[in-house]
Amino acid sequence: MRLGHMSGPQGPRLFVEAGGVRRPVDELVEGAPETLDELIRSPREWRPAIAAALAGDGGAGRDGADEAELLSPLLAPGSIVAIGLNYLDHCREFGTEPPTAPIVFVKLASSVRGPTEPVEWSTAVTDAVDWEAELGVVIGRTAKDVPAESALDHVFGYTAVNDVTARDVQRAEAQWVRAKSIDTFCPLGPVVVTADELPDPQALAIRSRVNGETMQDSSTAEMIFGVAELISVLSRSFTLRPGDLIATGTPLGVGAFREPPRLLDDGDVVEVEIEGIGTLRNACRVRAVDYEEERA
């Protein structure tokens, strides 16, 4: 099942996509949650009711649904846990030995952006912005001290993530939170695909493009720590709850390590594509701001 949000007259509206057609869930199932965040955290399992309604609906679309703006499929993730240096090819690019344990940091929820919304930053904060295509894992069941063998049972679904990064800020600070959490630096989408449709998260093609030029072209098979192991390891330290997101790391081909380096600029368009999920397409908007002059 492919679930996400589109803009509606009253705000974000939950939809299910089937056969390339988006259907508002509130038109299919009476009393269903209004957002995917609520659906994931609901004590009731709503997916059978949605599937049954789709089957009896004949797949007809609602007028205008496919023209509505797509919003982030997660509006308010409880936590965004991210993993660094988790692809063998990226470690080779980075010039470092693969880590022996996951490198963990967080992105703030305020950085979340929709699959077509612009990524924005101020030159007063950074002038070295980079892309990172990543598989996002959406937690569906509370996970604490979970063995790897059953860890995937706790996954609701998967989405695409662009872990946008301010490289100059990342280099200047001992931890990565600010470099990774600037507002708009976490585009998600275009949908969350439920785990039953992607039974092997370690066999997905993952790519990024800038202005149509392929930059990353790899596979989640290159992950050092796979999805199941990440959930198991993380859940030993802190509880993962429904609606939490894990960004699982990026493969070879980010801009900072290209020869010469290729960083993002105003007007660039970044695409992140993951097999079976879809494509993010975010334009870059740069603001030239001098905060010292503004205060004067």
C-alpha atoms as a PDB file:
ATOM      1  CA  MET A   1       0.000   0.000   0.000  1.00  0.00           C
ATOM      2  CA  ARG A   2       1.261   3.474  -0.943  1.00  0.00           C
ATOM      3  CA  LEU A   3       0.211   6.210   1.482  1.00  0.00           C
ATOM      4  CA  GLY A   4       0.938   9.908   1.628  1.00  0.00           C
ATOM      5  CA  HIS A   5      -0.435  13.424   1.988  1.00  0.00           C
ATOM      6  CA  MET A   6      -1.686  15.930  -0.527  1.00  0.00           C
ATOM      7  CA  SER A   7      -2.791  19.482   0.032  1.00  0.00           C
ATOM      8  CA  GLY A   8      -6.499  20.065   0.595  1.00  0.00           C
ATOM      9  CA  PRO A   9      -8.675  23.084   1.346  1.00  0.00           C
ATOM     10  CA  GLN A  10      -8.489  22.345   5.083  1.00  0.00           C
ATOM     11  CA  GLY A  11      -4.835  21.303   5.169  1.00  0.00           C
ATOM     12  CA  PRO A  12      -2.972  18.013   4.599  1.00  0.00           C
ATOM     13  CA  ARG A  13      -5.144  15.160   3.388  1.00  0.00           C
ATOM     14  CA  LEU A  14      -4.251  11.469   3.647  1.00  0.00           C
ATOM     15  CA  PHE A  15      -4.387   9.534   0.370  1.00  0.00           C
ATOM     16  CA  VAL A  16      -3.791   5.997  -0.815  1.00  0.00           C
ATOM     17  CA  GLU A  17      -2.270   5.499  -4.255  1.00  0.00           C
ATOM     18  CA  ALA A  18      -3.364   2.506  -6.319  1.00  0.00           C
ATOM     19  CA  GLY A  19      -2.830   1.953 -10.020  1.00  0.00           C
ATOM     20  CA  GLY A  20      -1.240   5.370 -10.282  1.00  0.00           C
ATOM     21  CA  VAL A  21      -4.389   7.046  -8.929  1.00  0.00           C
ATOM     22  CA  ARG A  22      -4.523   8.886  -5.603  1.00  0.00           C
ATOM     23  CA  ARG A  23      -7.668   8.467  -3.500  1.00  0.00           C
ATOM     24  CA  PRO A  24      -8.387  10.539  -0.377  1.00  0.00           C
ATOM     25  CA  VAL A  25      -8.773   8.043   2.456  1.00  0.00           C
ATOM     26  CA  ASP A  26     -11.593  10.029   4.056  1.00  0.00           C
ATOM     27  CA  GLU A  27     -13.661   9.359   0.919  1.00  0.00           C
ATOM     28  CA  LEU A  28     -13.041   5.624   1.183  1.00  0.00           C
ATOM     29  CA  VAL A  29     -13.308   4.800   4.896  1.00  0.00           C
ATOM     30  CA  GLU A  30     -15.557   6.657   7.291  1.00  0.00           C
ATOM     31  CA  GLY A  31     -13.809   7.697  10.482  1.00  0.00           C
ATOM     32  CA  ALA A  32     -10.318   6.884   9.220  1.00  0.00           C
ATOM     33  CA  PRO A  33      -7.405   8.941  10.606  1.00  0.00           C
ATOM     34  CA  GLU A  34      -6.856  12.262   8.883  1.00  0.00           C
ATOM     35  CA  THR A  35      -3.073  11.868   8.562  1.00  0.00           C
ATOM     36  CA  LEU A  36      -0.625   9.047   8.080  1.00  0.00           C
ATOM     37  CA  ASP A  37       1.053   9.979  11.357  1.00  0.00           C
ATOM     38  CA  GLU A  38      -2.247   9.333  13.139  1.00  0.00           C
ATOM     39  CA  LEU A  39      -2.885   6.130  11.211  1.00  0.00           C
ATOM     40  CA  ILE A  40       0.534   4.711  12.136  1.00  0.00           C
ATOM     41  CA  ARG A  41       0.012   5.527  15.809  1.00  0.00           C
ATOM     42  CA  SER A  42      -3.608   4.363  15.941  1.00  0.00           C
ATOM     43  CA  PRO A  43      -4.341   1.277  18.064  1.00  0.00           C
ATOM     44  CA  ARG A  44      -6.577   0.080  15.225  1.00  0.00           C
ATOM     45  CA  GLU A  45      -5.204  -1.477  12.038  1.00  0.00           C
ATOM     46  CA  TRP A  46      -6.790   0.611   9.267  1.00  0.00           C
ATOM     47  CA  ARG A  47      -5.097  -0.895   6.230  1.00  0.00           C
ATOM     48  CA  PRO A  48      -7.531  -3.822   5.735  1.00  0.00           C
ATOM     49  CA  ALA A  49     -10.454  -1.384   5.702  1.00  0.00           C
ATOM     50  CA  ILE A  50      -8.684   0.860   3.184  1.00  0.00           C
ATOM     51  CA  ALA A  51      -7.777  -2.111   0.982  1.00  0.00           C
ATOM     52  CA  ALA A  52     -11.351  -3.419   1.081  1.00  0.00           C
ATOM     53  CA  ALA A  53     -12.724  -0.009   0.197  1.00  0.00           C
ATOM     54  CA  LEU A  54     -10.337   0.275  -2.735  1.00  0.00           C
ATOM     55  CA  ALA A  55     -11.321  -3.164  -3.993  1.00  0.00           C
ATOM     56  CA  GLY A  56     -15.003  -2.240  -3.914  1.00  0.00           C
ATOM     57  CA  ASP A  57     -14.432   1.198  -5.343  1.00  0.00           C
ATOM     58  CA  GLY A  58     -13.329   0.184  -8.805  1.00  0.00           C
ATOM     59  CA  GLY A  59     -10.217   2.406  -8.551  1.00  0.00           C
ATOM     60  CA  ALA A  60     -11.974   5.601  -9.596  1.00  0.00           C
ATOM     61  CA  GLY A  61     -10.053   8.755  -8.746  1.00  0.00           C
ATOM     62  CA  ARG A  62     -11.397  11.949  -7.272  1.00  0.00           C
ATOM     63  CA  ASP A  63     -11.388  14.938  -9.606  1.00  0.00           C
ATOM     64  CA  GLY A  64      -8.286  17.034  -8.971  1.00  0.00           C
ATOM     65  CA  ALA A  65      -6.629  14.581  -6.580  1.00  0.00           C
ATOM     66  CA  ASP A  66      -3.733  13.893  -8.906  1.00  0.00           C
ATOM     67  CA  GLU A  67      -3.154  17.628  -9.443  1.00  0.00           C
ATOM     68  CA  ALA A  68      -2.978  18.462  -5.725  1.00  0.00           C
ATOM     69  CA  GLU A  69       0.432  19.301  -4.274  1.00  0.00           C
ATOM     70  CA  LEU A  70       2.162  16.395  -2.578  1.00  0.00           C
ATOM     71  CA  LEU A  71       3.212  17.013   1.017  1.00  0.00           C
ATOM     72  CA  SER A  72       5.571  15.050   3.224  1.00  0.00           C
ATOM     73  CA  PRO A  73       4.162  11.578   3.969  1.00  0.00           C
ATOM     74  CA  LEU A  74       5.233  12.093   7.584  1.00  0.00           C
ATOM     75  CA  LEU A  75       4.082  15.444   8.925  1.00  0.00           C
ATOM     76  CA  ALA A  76       5.434  15.115  12.467  1.00  0.00           C
ATOM     77  CA  PRO A  77       7.824  12.200  13.016  1.00  0.00           C
ATOM     78  CA  GLY A  78       8.492  11.687  16.715  1.00  0.00           C
ATOM     79  CA  SER A  79      12.203  11.136  16.144  1.00  0.00           C
ATOM     80  CA  ILE A  80      14.446  11.197  13.102  1.00  0.00           C
ATOM     81  CA  VAL A  81      17.413   8.946  13.787  1.00  0.00           C
ATOM     82  CA  ALA A  82      20.094   9.031  11.097  1.00  0.00           C
ATOM     83  CA  ILE A  83      23.106   6.853  10.352  1.00  0.00           C
ATOM     84  CA  GLY A  84      26.454   8.037   9.009  1.00  0.00           C
ATOM     85  CA  LEU A  85      28.966   6.160   6.853  1.00  0.00           C
ATOM     86  CA  ASN A  86      26.703   3.145   6.398  1.00  0.00           C
ATOM     87  CA  TYR A  87      27.568   2.206   2.803  1.00  0.00           C
ATOM     88  CA  LEU A  88      30.747   0.386   1.840  1.00  0.00           C
ATOM     89  CA  ASP A  89      31.090   2.408  -1.359  1.00  0.00           C
ATOM     90  CA  HIS A  90      30.643   5.685   0.579  1.00  0.00           C
ATOM     91  CA  CYS A  91      33.383   4.665   3.036  1.00  0.00           C
ATOM     92  CA  ARG A  92      35.710   4.087   0.097  1.00  0.00           C
ATOM     93  CA  GLU A  93      34.747   7.523  -1.247  1.00  0.00           C
ATOM     94  CA  PHE A  94      35.233   9.062   2.211  1.00  0.00           C
ATOM     95  CA  GLY A  95      38.651   7.393   2.502  1.00  0.00           C
ATOM     96  CA  THR A  96      37.924   5.676   5.785  1.00  0.00           C
ATOM     97  CA  GLU A  97      37.590   2.165   7.139  1.00  0.00           C
ATOM     98  CA  PRO A  98      34.007   0.947   7.577  1.00  0.00           C
ATOM     99  CA  PRO A  99      32.732   1.609  11.108  1.00  0.00           C
ATOM    100  CA  THR A 100      32.443  -1.319  13.497  1.00  0.00           C
ATOM    101  CA  ALA A 101      29.212   0.057  14.978  1.00  0.00           C
ATOM    102  CA  PRO A 102      26.567   2.405  13.560  1.00  0.00           C
ATOM    103  CA  ILE A 103      27.399   6.114  13.655  1.00  0.00           C
ATOM    104  CA  VAL A 104      24.219   7.682  15.015  1.00  0.00           C
ATOM    105  CA  PHE A 105      22.990  11.268  14.942  1.00  0.00           C
ATOM    106  CA  VAL A 106      19.603  12.972  14.769  1.00  0.00           C
ATOM    107  CA  LYS A 107      17.831  15.354  12.443  1.00  0.00           C
ATOM    108  CA  LEU A 108      15.234  17.714  13.905  1.00  0.00           C
ATOM    109  CA  ALA A 109      11.617  17.315  12.824  1.00  0.00           C
ATOM    110  CA  SER A 110      11.552  20.975  11.768  1.00  0.00           C
ATOM    111  CA  SER A 111      13.794  20.020   8.832  1.00  0.00           C
ATOM    112  CA  VAL A 112      11.082  17.856   7.203  1.00  0.00           C
ATOM    113  CA  ARG A 113      10.027  18.929   3.711  1.00  0.00           C
ATOM    114  CA  GLY A 114       7.669  17.510   1.100  1.00  0.00           C
ATOM    115  CA  PRO A 115       8.759  15.677  -2.059  1.00  0.00           C
ATOM    116  CA  THR A 116       8.414  18.712  -4.334  1.00  0.00           C
ATOM    117  CA  GLU A 117       8.914  21.599  -1.902  1.00  0.00           C
ATOM    118  CA  PRO A 118      12.076  23.727  -2.176  1.00  0.00           C
ATOM    119  CA  VAL A 119      15.173  23.179  -0.069  1.00  0.00           C
ATOM    120  CA  GLU A 120      16.218  26.582   1.252  1.00  0.00           C
ATOM    121  CA  TRP A 121      19.185  28.042   3.103  1.00  0.00           C
ATOM    122  CA  SER A 122      20.868  31.314   3.892  1.00  0.00           C
ATOM    123  CA  THR A 123      24.425  32.117   2.850  1.00  0.00           C
ATOM    124  CA  ALA A 124      24.905  33.528   6.351  1.00  0.00           C
ATOM    125  CA  VAL A 125      24.584  29.951   7.672  1.00  0.00           C
ATOM    126  CA  THR A 126      26.199  27.840   4.940  1.00  0.00           C
ATOM    127  CA  ASP A 127      27.594  28.020   1.442  1.00  0.00           C
ATOM    128  CA  ALA A 128      28.474  24.327   1.101  1.00  0.00           C
ATOM    129  CA  VAL A 129      25.248  22.332   0.776  1.00  0.00           C
ATOM    130  CA  ASP A 130      25.272  18.704  -0.352  1.00  0.00           C
ATOM    131  CA  TRP A 131      22.753  15.953  -1.152  1.00  0.00           C
ATOM    132  CA  GLU A 132      22.511  12.437   0.324  1.00  0.00           C
ATOM    133  CA  ALA A 133      20.048   9.885  -1.078  1.00  0.00           C
ATOM    134  CA  GLU A 134      18.826   7.576   1.686  1.00  0.00           C
ATOM    135  CA  LEU A 135      16.279   4.862   2.392  1.00  0.00           C
ATOM    136  CA  GLY A 136      13.945   5.930   5.196  1.00  0.00           C
ATOM    137  CA  VAL A 137      12.455   3.347   7.568  1.00  0.00           C
ATOM    138  CA  VAL A 138       9.143   4.226   9.250  1.00  0.00           C
ATOM    139  CA  ILE A 139       8.578   2.433  12.541  1.00  0.00           C
ATOM    140  CA  GLY A 140       5.112   0.924  13.001  1.00  0.00           C
ATOM    141  CA  ARG A 141       5.384  -0.932  16.323  1.00  0.00           C
ATOM    142  CA  THR A 142       7.175   0.021  19.527  1.00  0.00           C
ATOM    143  CA  ALA A 143      10.668  -1.468  19.469  1.00  0.00           C
ATOM    144  CA  LYS A 144      12.778  -1.958  22.606  1.00  0.00           C
ATOM    145  CA  ASP A 145      15.588  -4.520  22.881  1.00  0.00           C
ATOM    146  CA  VAL A 146      14.454  -6.121  19.630  1.00  0.00           C
ATOM    147  CA  PRO A 147      16.476  -9.036  18.206  1.00  0.00           C
ATOM    148  CA  ALA A 148      17.571  -8.606  14.605  1.00  0.00           C
ATOM    149  CA  GLU A 149      15.634 -11.728  13.602  1.00  0.00           C
ATOM    150  CA  SER A 150      12.297 -10.043  14.334  1.00  0.00           C
ATOM    151  CA  ALA A 151      13.252  -6.406  13.817  1.00  0.00           C
ATOM    152  CA  LEU A 152      11.533  -6.030  10.435  1.00  0.00           C
ATOM    153  CA  ASP A 153       8.226  -6.923  12.114  1.00  0.00           C
ATOM    154  CA  HIS A 154       8.401  -3.441  13.664  1.00  0.00           C
ATOM    155  CA  VAL A 155       8.573  -1.627  10.314  1.00  0.00           C
ATOM    156  CA  PHE A 156       5.454   0.102   8.998  1.00  0.00           C
ATOM    157  CA  GLY A 157       7.004   1.013   5.689  1.00  0.00           C
ATOM    158  CA  TYR A 158       9.703   2.779   3.713  1.00  0.00           C
ATOM    159  CA  THR A 159      10.188   6.167   2.088  1.00  0.00           C
ATOM    160  CA  ALA A 160      12.882   8.151   0.299  1.00  0.00           C
ATOM    161  CA  VAL A 161      14.959  10.711   2.193  1.00  0.00           C
ATOM    162  CA  ASN A 162      17.354  13.420   1.088  1.00  0.00           C
ATOM    163  CA  ASP A 163      19.664  13.961   4.068  1.00  0.00           C
ATOM    164  CA  VAL A 164      20.677  17.451   2.934  1.00  0.00           C
ATOM    165  CA  THR A 165      23.891  18.521   4.669  1.00  0.00           C
ATOM    166  CA  ALA A 166      25.769  21.774   5.243  1.00  0.00           C
ATOM    167  CA  ARG A 167      29.314  20.462   4.777  1.00  0.00           C
ATOM    168  CA  ASP A 168      31.056  23.563   6.142  1.00  0.00           C
ATOM    169  CA  VAL A 169      28.988  23.418   9.335  1.00  0.00           C
ATOM    170  CA  GLN A 170      29.571  19.660   9.555  1.00  0.00           C
ATOM    171  CA  ARG A 171      33.337  20.132   9.348  1.00  0.00           C
ATOM    172  CA  ALA A 172      33.342  22.969  11.904  1.00  0.00           C
ATOM    173  CA  GLU A 173      31.430  21.181  14.674  1.00  0.00           C
ATOM    174  CA  ALA A 174      32.091  17.985  16.620  1.00  0.00           C
ATOM    175  CA  GLN A 175      28.533  16.749  16.130  1.00  0.00           C
ATOM    176  CA  TRP A 176      26.337  16.903  13.038  1.00  0.00           C
ATOM    177  CA  VAL A 177      22.912  17.972  14.286  1.00  0.00           C
ATOM    178  CA  ARG A 178      22.969  21.580  13.082  1.00  0.00           C
ATOM    179  CA  ALA A 179      24.582  20.686   9.741  1.00  0.00           C
ATOM    180  CA  LYS A 180      21.846  18.145   9.092  1.00  0.00           C
ATOM    181  CA  SER A 181      18.847  19.940  10.619  1.00  0.00           C
ATOM    182  CA  ILE A 182      18.627  23.318   8.933  1.00  0.00           C
ATOM    183  CA  ASP A 183      14.991  24.014   8.092  1.00  0.00           C
ATOM    184  CA  THR A 184      13.973  22.158   4.874  1.00  0.00           C
ATOM    185  CA  PHE A 185      17.023  19.825   5.009  1.00  0.00           C
ATOM    186  CA  CYS A 186      14.963  16.617   5.223  1.00  0.00           C
ATOM    187  CA  PRO A 187      12.781  16.111   2.130  1.00  0.00           C
ATOM    188  CA  LEU A 188      10.675  12.933   2.394  1.00  0.00           C
ATOM    189  CA  GLY A 189       8.392  10.987   0.088  1.00  0.00           C
ATOM    190  CA  PRO A 190       6.753  10.906  -2.281  1.00  0.00           C
ATOM    191  CA  VAL A 191       4.876   8.234  -0.293  1.00  0.00           C
ATOM    192  CA  VAL A 192       5.413   5.651   2.425  1.00  0.00           C
ATOM    193  CA  VAL A 193       5.258   2.165   0.928  1.00  0.00           C
ATOM    194  CA  THR A 194       4.142  -0.432   3.459  1.00  0.00           C
ATOM    195  CA  ALA A 195       6.632  -3.125   4.356  1.00  0.00           C
ATOM    196  CA  ASP A 196       4.643  -5.950   2.768  1.00  0.00           C
ATOM    197  CA  GLU A 197       5.291  -4.423  -0.657  1.00  0.00           C
ATOM    198  CA  LEU A 198       9.072  -4.195  -0.078  1.00  0.00           C
ATOM    199  CA  PRO A 199       9.919  -7.396   1.806  1.00  0.00           C
ATOM    200  CA  ASP A 200      13.693  -7.068   1.272  1.00  0.00           C
ATOM    201  CA  PRO A 201      14.933  -3.557   2.074  1.00  0.00           C
ATOM    202  CA  GLN A 202      18.499  -4.664   1.238  1.00  0.00           C
ATOM    203  CA  ALA A 203      17.776  -5.153  -2.469  1.00  0.00           C
ATOM    204  CA  LEU A 204      16.669  -1.718  -3.673  1.00  0.00           C
ATOM    205  CA  ALA A 205      18.294   0.523  -6.257  1.00  0.00           C
ATOM    206  CA  ILE A 206      19.049   4.000  -4.876  1.00  0.00           C
ATOM    207  CA  ARG A 207      19.978   7.013  -6.993  1.00  0.00           C
ATOM    208  CA  SER A 208      20.333  10.775  -6.953  1.00  0.00           C
ATOM    209  CA  ARG A 209      20.473  13.308  -9.763  1.00  0.00           C
ATOM    210  CA  VAL A 210      21.317  17.021  -9.859  1.00  0.00           C
ATOM    211  CA  ASN A 211      19.839  18.937 -12.790  1.00  0.00           C
ATOM    212  CA  GLY A 212      19.261  15.594 -14.496  1.00  0.00           C
ATOM    213  CA  GLU A 213      22.859  14.359 -14.101  1.00  0.00           C
ATOM    214  CA  THR A 214      23.214  11.092 -12.179  1.00  0.00           C
ATOM    215  CA  MET A 215      25.345  11.540  -9.062  1.00  0.00           C
ATOM    216  CA  GLN A 216      24.597   8.422  -7.014  1.00  0.00           C
ATOM    217  CA  ASP A 217      23.699   5.021  -8.447  1.00  0.00           C
ATOM    218  CA  SER A 218      23.983   2.203  -5.949  1.00  0.00           C
ATOM    219  CA  SER A 219      22.002  -0.406  -4.046  1.00  0.00           C
ATOM    220  CA  THR A 220      20.895  -0.802  -0.456  1.00  0.00           C
ATOM    221  CA  ALA A 221      22.811  -4.089  -0.608  1.00  0.00           C
ATOM    222  CA  GLU A 222      25.887  -1.904   0.002  1.00  0.00           C
ATOM    223  CA  MET A 223      24.714  -1.066   3.543  1.00  0.00           C
ATOM    224  CA  ILE A 224      27.169  -2.073   6.264  1.00  0.00           C
ATOM    225  CA  PHE A 225      24.399  -2.324   8.857  1.00  0.00           C
ATOM    226  CA  GLY A 226      21.120  -3.413   7.300  1.00  0.00           C
ATOM    227  CA  VAL A 227      17.697  -2.235   8.365  1.00  0.00           C
ATOM    228  CA  ALA A 228      17.075  -5.164  10.731  1.00  0.00           C
ATOM    229  CA  GLU A 229      20.431  -4.745  12.456  1.00  0.00           C
ATOM    230  CA  LEU A 230      19.968  -0.980  12.789  1.00  0.00           C
ATOM    231  CA  ILE A 231      16.579  -1.390  14.467  1.00  0.00           C
ATOM    232  CA  SER A 232      18.002  -4.008  16.807  1.00  0.00           C
ATOM    233  CA  VAL A 233      21.073  -1.960  17.768  1.00  0.00           C
ATOM    234  CA  LEU A 234      19.181   1.318  18.181  1.00  0.00           C
ATOM    235  CA  SER A 235      16.413  -0.281  20.249  1.00  0.00           C
ATOM    236  CA  ARG A 236      18.945  -1.434  22.836  1.00  0.00           C
ATOM    237  CA  SER A 237      19.682   2.202  23.687  1.00  0.00           C
ATOM    238  CA  PHE A 238      16.335   3.935  23.212  1.00  0.00           C
ATOM    239  CA  THR A 239      12.774   3.008  22.415  1.00  0.00           C
ATOM    240  CA  LEU A 240      11.663   3.390  18.811  1.00  0.00           C
ATOM    241  CA  ARG A 241       7.994   4.349  18.599  1.00  0.00           C
ATOM    242  CA  PRO A 242       5.384   4.282  15.839  1.00  0.00           C
ATOM    243  CA  GLY A 243       5.943   7.175  13.471  1.00  0.00           C
ATOM    244  CA  ASP A 244       9.678   7.438  14.144  1.00  0.00           C
ATOM    245  CA  LEU A 245      11.946   7.584  11.098  1.00  0.00           C
ATOM    246  CA  ILE A 246      15.379   6.049  10.557  1.00  0.00           C
ATOM    247  CA  ALA A 247      17.487   7.508   7.726  1.00  0.00           C
ATOM    248  CA  THR A 248      19.835   4.646   6.927  1.00  0.00           C
ATOM    249  CA  GLY A 249      22.840   6.344   5.303  1.00  0.00           C
ATOM    250  CA  THR A 250      23.930   7.298   1.813  1.00  0.00           C
ATOM    251  CA  PRO A 251      25.995   5.588  -0.899  1.00  0.00           C
ATOM    252  CA  LEU A 252      28.883   6.737  -3.068  1.00  0.00           C
ATOM    253  CA  GLY A 253      28.476   9.938  -5.077  1.00  0.00           C
ATOM    254  CA  VAL A 254      27.799  12.880  -2.771  1.00  0.00           C
ATOM    255  CA  GLY A 255      29.036  16.240  -3.935  1.00  0.00           C
ATOM    256  CA  ALA A 256      31.715  17.015  -1.357  1.00  0.00           C
ATOM    257  CA  PHE A 257      33.907  14.074  -2.391  1.00  0.00           C
ATOM    258  CA  ARG A 258      33.688  14.470  -6.141  1.00  0.00           C
ATOM    259  CA  GLU A 259      36.684  15.727  -8.133  1.00  0.00           C
ATOM    260  CA  PRO A 260      36.223  18.669  -8.235  1.00  0.00           C
ATOM    261  CA  PRO A 261      33.641  19.016  -5.439  1.00  0.00           C
ATOM    262  CA  ARG A 262      30.092  19.684  -6.644  1.00  0.00           C
ATOM    263  CA  LEU A 263      27.934  21.574  -4.166  1.00  0.00           C
ATOM    264  CA  LEU A 264      24.397  22.841  -4.572  1.00  0.00           C
ATOM    265  CA  ASP A 265      23.471  26.343  -5.707  1.00  0.00           C
ATOM    266  CA  ASP A 266      20.370  28.444  -6.207  1.00  0.00           C
ATOM    267  CA  GLY A 267      18.120  26.932  -8.869  1.00  0.00           C
ATOM    268  CA  ASP A 268      19.617  23.440  -8.782  1.00  0.00           C
ATOM    269  CA  VAL A 269      17.094  20.600  -8.772  1.00  0.00           C
ATOM    270  CA  VAL A 270      17.917  17.481  -6.745  1.00  0.00           C
ATOM    271  CA  GLU A 271      16.167  14.176  -7.352  1.00  0.00           C
ATOM    272  CA  VAL A 272      16.373  11.188  -5.022  1.00  0.00           C
ATOM    273  CA  GLU A 273      14.929   7.943  -6.375  1.00  0.00           C
ATOM    274  CA  ILE A 274      14.488   4.617  -4.600  1.00  0.00           C
ATOM    275  CA  GLU A 275      13.243   1.520  -6.368  1.00  0.00           C
ATOM    276  CA  GLY A 276       9.655   0.684  -5.509  1.00  0.00           C
ATOM    277  CA  ILE A 277       9.071   3.976  -3.672  1.00  0.00           C
ATOM    278  CA  GLY A 278       9.421   6.846  -6.111  1.00  0.00           C
ATOM    279  CA  THR A 279      11.276  10.117  -6.563  1.00  0.00           C
ATOM    280  CA  LEU A 280      11.796  13.294  -4.575  1.00  0.00           C
ATOM    281  CA  ARG A 281      12.310  16.372  -6.737  1.00  0.00           C
ATOM    282  CA  ASN A 282      13.332  19.473  -4.784  1.00  0.00           C
ATOM    283  CA  ALA A 283      14.560  22.771  -6.182  1.00  0.00           C
ATOM    284  CA  CYS A 284      17.179  24.754  -4.245  1.00  0.00           C
ATOM    285  CA  ARG A 285      16.558  28.315  -3.082  1.00  0.00           C
ATOM    286  CA  VAL A 286      19.434  30.344  -1.626  1.00  0.00           C
ATOM    287  CA  ARG A 287      18.940  33.533   0.352  1.00  0.00           C
ATOM    288  CA  ALA A 288      21.825  35.985   0.606  1.00  0.00           C
ATOM    289  CA  VAL A 289      21.395  37.309   4.146  1.00  0.00           C
ATOM    290  CA  ASP A 290      23.822  39.283   6.287  1.00  0.00           C
ATOM    291  CA  TYR A 291      22.490  39.075   9.849  1.00  0.00           C
ATOM    292  CA  GLU A 292      24.991  41.650  11.093  1.00  0.00           C
ATOM    293  CA  GLU A 293      23.691  44.213   8.585  1.00  0.00           C
ATOM    294  CA  GLU A 294      20.080  43.347   9.520  1.00  0.00           C
ATOM    295  CA  ARG A 295      20.815  44.077  13.196  1.00  0.00           C
ATOM    296  CA  ALA A 296      22.581  47.352  12.413  1.00  0.00           C
END
